[in-house]
Amino acid sequence: MRDALPCPCARRRRFLIASAAALPINAQADALTKAQRDAMSPDEIIEDMKHGNARFQKSERKARNYLREQRASAAGQYPAAVLLSCIDSRAPAEVIMDLGIGDIFNCRGAGNVENDDILGSIEFACKLMGAKVVLVMGHTACGTIKGAIANVELGHLTQLLDRIKPAVQQTRYDGERTAANCAFVDAVARTNVELTLATIRGDSPILAGLDREHMIKLAGAMYDLKTGAVDFFA
């Protein structure tokens, strides 16, 4: 005579136990806490981003429970950094640096340009919310950078591209200085990141003061669309 089939509740309990046992011990279940964020230095936060990008490149991302992160951060948030990155759909910061809900503030705009609204957002993130890193991240093969090089004019985009043209002019490059030259485009994108960092320091006494006091660190990065690697630089 066959044993009676277990009740649905018993089957569910066994499934949950087996599923929990299968989770890696380093699975991140909850959002970043204030204590965790405050215990990290700006350099340690950047190192964490580097390790996250290394995992992304190897397809070894942390096992995450986004629902628990969402619930844990609903009552309050303690992001460690604020990022200014491009709107390009291929360069989502949280994904390529293996970050979770509540880990970072993320400002996005074509060509990762700085303006008054972006600057106010960064000041909010650092001065009022305690973020310790300001990271400006450009990327290779940026269409916005190409538009600035080619002197594209289109509605409000014209004014945005004007903000990038100083980077075009100040980029040292001996080869073909056109939007068709991928190497020149990438060189301009990096210069644009560097100039944006300088502009943030120059336009915001609040952020410049926090930087001088070593309360925050301003850094730049370039994301390579082909390799998936993020190159960090000060």
Protein backbone atom coordinates (compact mmCIF):
# COMPACT_ATOMS: atom_id res chain seq x y z
CA MET A 1 0.00 0.00 0.00
CA ARG A 2 1.43 3.39 -1.02
CA ASP A 3 2.00 6.10 1.57
CA ALA A 4 -0.53 8.85 1.60
CA LEU A 5 0.48 11.97 -0.34
CA PRO A 6 1.72 14.79 1.93
CA CYS A 7 -0.63 17.70 2.41
CA PRO A 8 0.03 20.86 0.35
CA CYS A 9 1.24 22.70 3.47
CA ALA A 10 3.86 20.06 4.17
CA ARG A 11 5.06 20.10 0.56
CA ARG A 12 5.36 23.90 0.69
CA ARG A 13 7.38 23.79 3.94
CA ARG A 14 9.85 21.33 2.40
CA PHE A 15 10.17 23.52 -0.72
CA LEU A 16 10.91 26.65 1.32
CA ILE A 17 13.50 24.83 3.45
CA ALA A 18 15.23 23.43 0.36
CA SER A 19 15.16 26.82 -1.38
CA ALA A 20 16.68 28.59 1.62
CA ALA A 21 19.46 26.02 1.85
CA ALA A 22 20.32 26.61 -1.81
CA LEU A 23 20.92 30.33 -1.35
CA PRO A 24 24.60 31.40 -1.18
CA ILE A 25 25.71 32.54 2.25
CA ASN A 26 26.65 35.97 0.88
CA ALA A 27 23.21 36.65 -0.55
CA GLN A 28 22.23 40.24 0.18
CA ALA A 29 18.68 40.37 1.44
CA ASP A 30 18.23 43.86 2.88
CA ALA A 31 18.98 47.44 1.88
CA LEU A 32 22.04 49.37 3.01
CA THR A 33 21.65 50.63 6.59
CA LYS A 34 22.86 53.92 8.06
CA ALA A 35 25.35 52.09 10.25
CA GLN A 36 26.78 50.20 7.29
CA ARG A 37 27.03 53.35 5.15
CA ASP A 38 28.56 55.46 7.93
CA ALA A 39 31.18 52.79 8.66
CA MET A 40 32.56 52.98 5.11
CA SER A 41 35.09 55.52 3.85
CA PRO A 42 34.70 57.06 0.38
CA ASP A 43 37.59 54.91 -0.88
CA GLU A 44 35.93 51.77 0.48
CA ILE A 45 32.69 52.68 -1.28
CA ILE A 46 34.53 53.06 -4.57
CA GLU A 47 36.30 49.74 -3.98
CA ASP A 48 32.90 48.13 -3.45
CA MET A 49 31.77 49.52 -6.82
CA LYS A 50 34.91 48.12 -8.45
CA HIS A 51 34.27 44.67 -6.97
CA GLY A 52 30.66 44.87 -8.13
CA ASN A 53 31.75 45.67 -11.67
CA ALA A 54 34.22 42.77 -11.58
CA ARG A 55 31.37 40.44 -10.62
CA PHE A 56 29.23 41.87 -13.42
CA GLN A 57 31.94 41.19 -15.99
CA LYS A 58 32.17 37.56 -14.83
CA SER A 59 28.39 37.13 -14.61
CA GLU A 60 28.79 36.37 -10.91
CA ARG A 61 26.41 38.97 -9.51
CA LYS A 62 25.22 38.71 -5.91
CA ALA A 63 22.00 36.84 -5.29
CA ARG A 64 19.55 39.57 -4.28
CA ASN A 65 16.10 39.67 -2.85
CA TYR A 66 14.82 42.91 -4.38
CA LEU A 67 11.51 42.64 -2.58
CA ARG A 68 13.26 42.60 0.81
CA GLU A 69 15.51 45.48 -0.28
CA GLN A 70 12.42 47.45 -1.29
CA ARG A 71 10.69 46.75 2.00
CA ALA A 72 13.79 47.47 4.09
CA SER A 73 14.35 50.84 2.41
CA ALA A 74 10.71 51.97 2.41
CA ALA A 75 10.97 53.73 5.78
CA GLY A 76 14.31 55.41 5.04
CA GLN A 77 17.28 55.44 2.68
CA TYR A 78 21.03 55.66 3.29
CA PRO A 79 22.75 55.59 -0.13
CA ALA A 80 26.55 55.57 -0.05
CA ALA A 81 27.08 57.50 -3.30
CA VAL A 82 25.46 59.72 -5.89
CA LEU A 83 26.15 59.05 -9.57
CA LEU A 84 25.85 61.38 -12.54
CA SER A 85 25.68 59.19 -15.61
CA CYS A 86 24.36 59.20 -19.17
CA ILE A 87 20.81 58.22 -20.15
CA ASP A 88 22.19 55.57 -22.53
CA SER A 89 20.11 52.41 -22.09
CA ARG A 90 23.24 50.25 -22.23
CA ALA A 91 24.88 51.84 -19.18
CA PRO A 92 22.60 51.34 -16.13
CA ALA A 93 24.87 52.05 -13.15
CA GLU A 94 23.13 49.76 -10.64
CA VAL A 95 23.41 46.80 -13.01
CA ILE A 96 26.98 47.20 -14.22
CA MET A 97 28.28 47.73 -10.66
CA ASP A 98 26.03 45.10 -9.07
CA LEU A 99 24.25 47.49 -6.72
CA GLY A 100 20.90 47.10 -5.05
CA ILE A 101 17.87 49.17 -4.09
CA GLY A 102 18.90 51.95 -1.73
CA ASP A 103 22.65 51.76 -2.49
CA ILE A 104 23.04 54.92 -4.61
CA PHE A 105 21.35 58.07 -5.82
CA ASN A 106 21.42 58.16 -9.62
CA CYS A 107 21.18 61.33 -11.73
CA ARG A 108 20.97 60.64 -15.47
CA GLY A 109 21.04 62.94 -18.46
CA ALA A 110 22.36 62.81 -22.00
CA GLY A 111 26.13 63.17 -21.92
CA ASN A 112 26.18 63.18 -18.08
CA VAL A 113 26.24 66.99 -18.09
CA GLU A 114 25.98 69.13 -14.97
CA ASN A 115 23.38 71.88 -14.56
CA ASP A 116 21.74 73.71 -11.64
CA ASP A 117 19.12 71.03 -11.08
CA ILE A 118 21.67 68.23 -11.15
CA LEU A 119 23.95 70.20 -8.83
CA GLY A 120 21.12 70.74 -6.37
CA SER A 121 20.36 67.03 -6.44
CA ILE A 122 23.98 66.16 -5.68
CA GLU A 123 24.10 68.69 -2.84
CA PHE A 124 20.94 67.13 -1.41
CA ALA A 125 22.45 63.65 -1.66
CA CYS A 126 25.69 64.59 0.08
CA LYS A 127 24.95 67.41 2.50
CA LEU A 128 21.50 66.34 3.68
CA MET A 129 21.45 62.58 3.08
CA GLY A 130 25.05 61.63 3.84
CA ALA A 131 26.29 60.18 0.53
CA LYS A 132 30.09 60.03 0.59
CA VAL A 133 31.02 59.64 -3.09
CA VAL A 134 30.13 61.74 -6.12
CA LEU A 135 30.87 59.68 -9.23
CA VAL A 136 30.57 61.15 -12.73
CA MET A 137 30.47 58.31 -15.24
CA GLY A 138 30.74 58.61 -19.01
CA HIS A 139 30.86 55.75 -21.49
CA THR A 140 32.35 54.74 -24.80
CA ALA A 141 30.57 55.33 -28.14
CA CYS A 142 28.40 58.04 -26.56
CA GLY A 143 25.89 59.42 -29.05
CA THR A 144 25.64 62.71 -27.18
CA ILE A 145 29.39 63.23 -27.42
CA LYS A 146 29.20 62.47 -31.15
CA GLY A 147 26.47 65.10 -31.49
CA ALA A 148 28.61 67.73 -29.79
CA ILE A 149 31.58 66.92 -32.03
CA ALA A 150 29.39 67.11 -35.14
CA ASN A 151 27.75 70.39 -34.05
CA VAL A 152 24.25 68.91 -34.15
CA GLU A 153 21.41 71.40 -33.59
CA LEU A 154 18.00 70.14 -32.50
CA GLY A 155 15.60 71.93 -30.19
CA HIS A 156 16.68 71.93 -26.54
CA LEU A 157 19.40 69.39 -27.38
CA THR A 158 21.40 72.23 -28.95
CA GLN A 159 21.87 73.91 -25.57
CA LEU A 160 22.80 70.63 -23.91
CA LEU A 161 25.45 69.88 -26.54
CA ASP A 162 26.91 73.36 -26.04
CA ARG A 163 27.86 72.26 -22.52
CA ILE A 164 29.98 69.45 -23.99
CA LYS A 165 31.77 71.47 -26.66
CA PRO A 166 34.49 72.72 -24.24
CA ALA A 167 35.46 69.06 -23.80
CA VAL A 168 35.72 68.70 -27.59
CA GLN A 169 37.97 71.75 -27.78
CA GLN A 170 40.16 70.77 -24.82
CA THR A 171 40.74 67.15 -25.77
CA ARG A 172 44.29 66.58 -26.93
CA TYR A 173 44.25 64.22 -29.88
CA ASP A 174 46.53 64.00 -32.91
CA GLY A 175 44.30 61.91 -35.15
CA GLU A 176 41.04 62.59 -36.96
CA ARG A 177 38.88 64.84 -34.78
CA THR A 178 35.46 63.77 -36.06
CA ALA A 179 32.41 61.96 -34.73
CA ALA A 180 33.27 59.05 -37.01
CA ASN A 181 36.52 58.40 -35.14
CA CYS A 182 35.63 56.16 -32.19
CA ALA A 183 38.92 56.81 -30.40
CA PHE A 184 38.41 60.56 -30.52
CA VAL A 185 34.80 60.22 -29.33
CA ASP A 186 35.95 58.20 -26.33
CA ALA A 187 38.75 60.66 -25.57
CA VAL A 188 36.25 63.54 -25.59
CA ALA A 189 33.91 61.55 -23.32
CA ARG A 190 36.68 61.17 -20.75
CA THR A 191 37.58 64.86 -20.97
CA ASN A 192 33.91 65.67 -20.50
CA VAL A 193 33.89 63.68 -17.25
CA GLU A 194 36.99 65.50 -16.02
CA LEU A 195 35.57 68.93 -16.87
CA THR A 196 32.25 68.06 -15.25
CA LEU A 197 34.04 67.16 -12.01
CA ALA A 198 35.89 70.49 -12.12
CA THR A 199 32.63 72.34 -12.80
CA ILE A 200 30.90 70.64 -9.86
CA ARG A 201 33.71 71.76 -7.56
CA GLY A 202 33.65 75.27 -8.99
CA ASP A 203 29.90 75.75 -9.00
CA SER A 204 29.11 74.30 -5.56
CA PRO A 205 30.83 75.73 -2.48
CA ILE A 206 28.90 73.14 -0.47
CA LEU A 207 30.40 70.16 -2.32
CA ALA A 208 33.82 71.78 -2.59
CA GLY A 209 33.81 72.27 1.18
CA LEU A 210 32.81 68.68 1.88
CA ASP A 211 35.55 67.56 -0.50
CA ARG A 212 38.20 69.67 1.25
CA GLU A 213 37.14 68.28 4.61
CA HIS A 214 37.38 64.71 3.21
CA MET A 215 33.71 64.14 3.99
CA ILE A 216 33.11 63.18 0.37
CA LYS A 217 35.20 62.15 -2.61
CA LEU A 218 34.60 63.28 -6.19
CA ALA A 219 35.67 60.74 -8.78
CA GLY A 220 35.25 59.97 -12.45
CA ALA A 221 34.69 56.79 -14.41
CA MET A 222 34.36 55.55 -17.96
CA TYR A 223 32.23 52.52 -18.84
CA ASP A 224 33.28 50.42 -21.84
CA LEU A 225 30.19 49.22 -23.69
CA LYS A 226 32.12 46.39 -25.38
CA THR A 227 33.92 44.88 -22.39
CA GLY A 228 31.57 45.81 -19.56
CA ALA A 229 34.48 47.26 -17.56
CA VAL A 230 34.31 50.49 -15.57
CA ASP A 231 37.57 52.46 -15.42
CA PHE A 232 37.63 54.61 -12.27
CA PHE A 233 39.83 57.69 -11.95
CA ALA A 234 40.07 60.69 -9.62
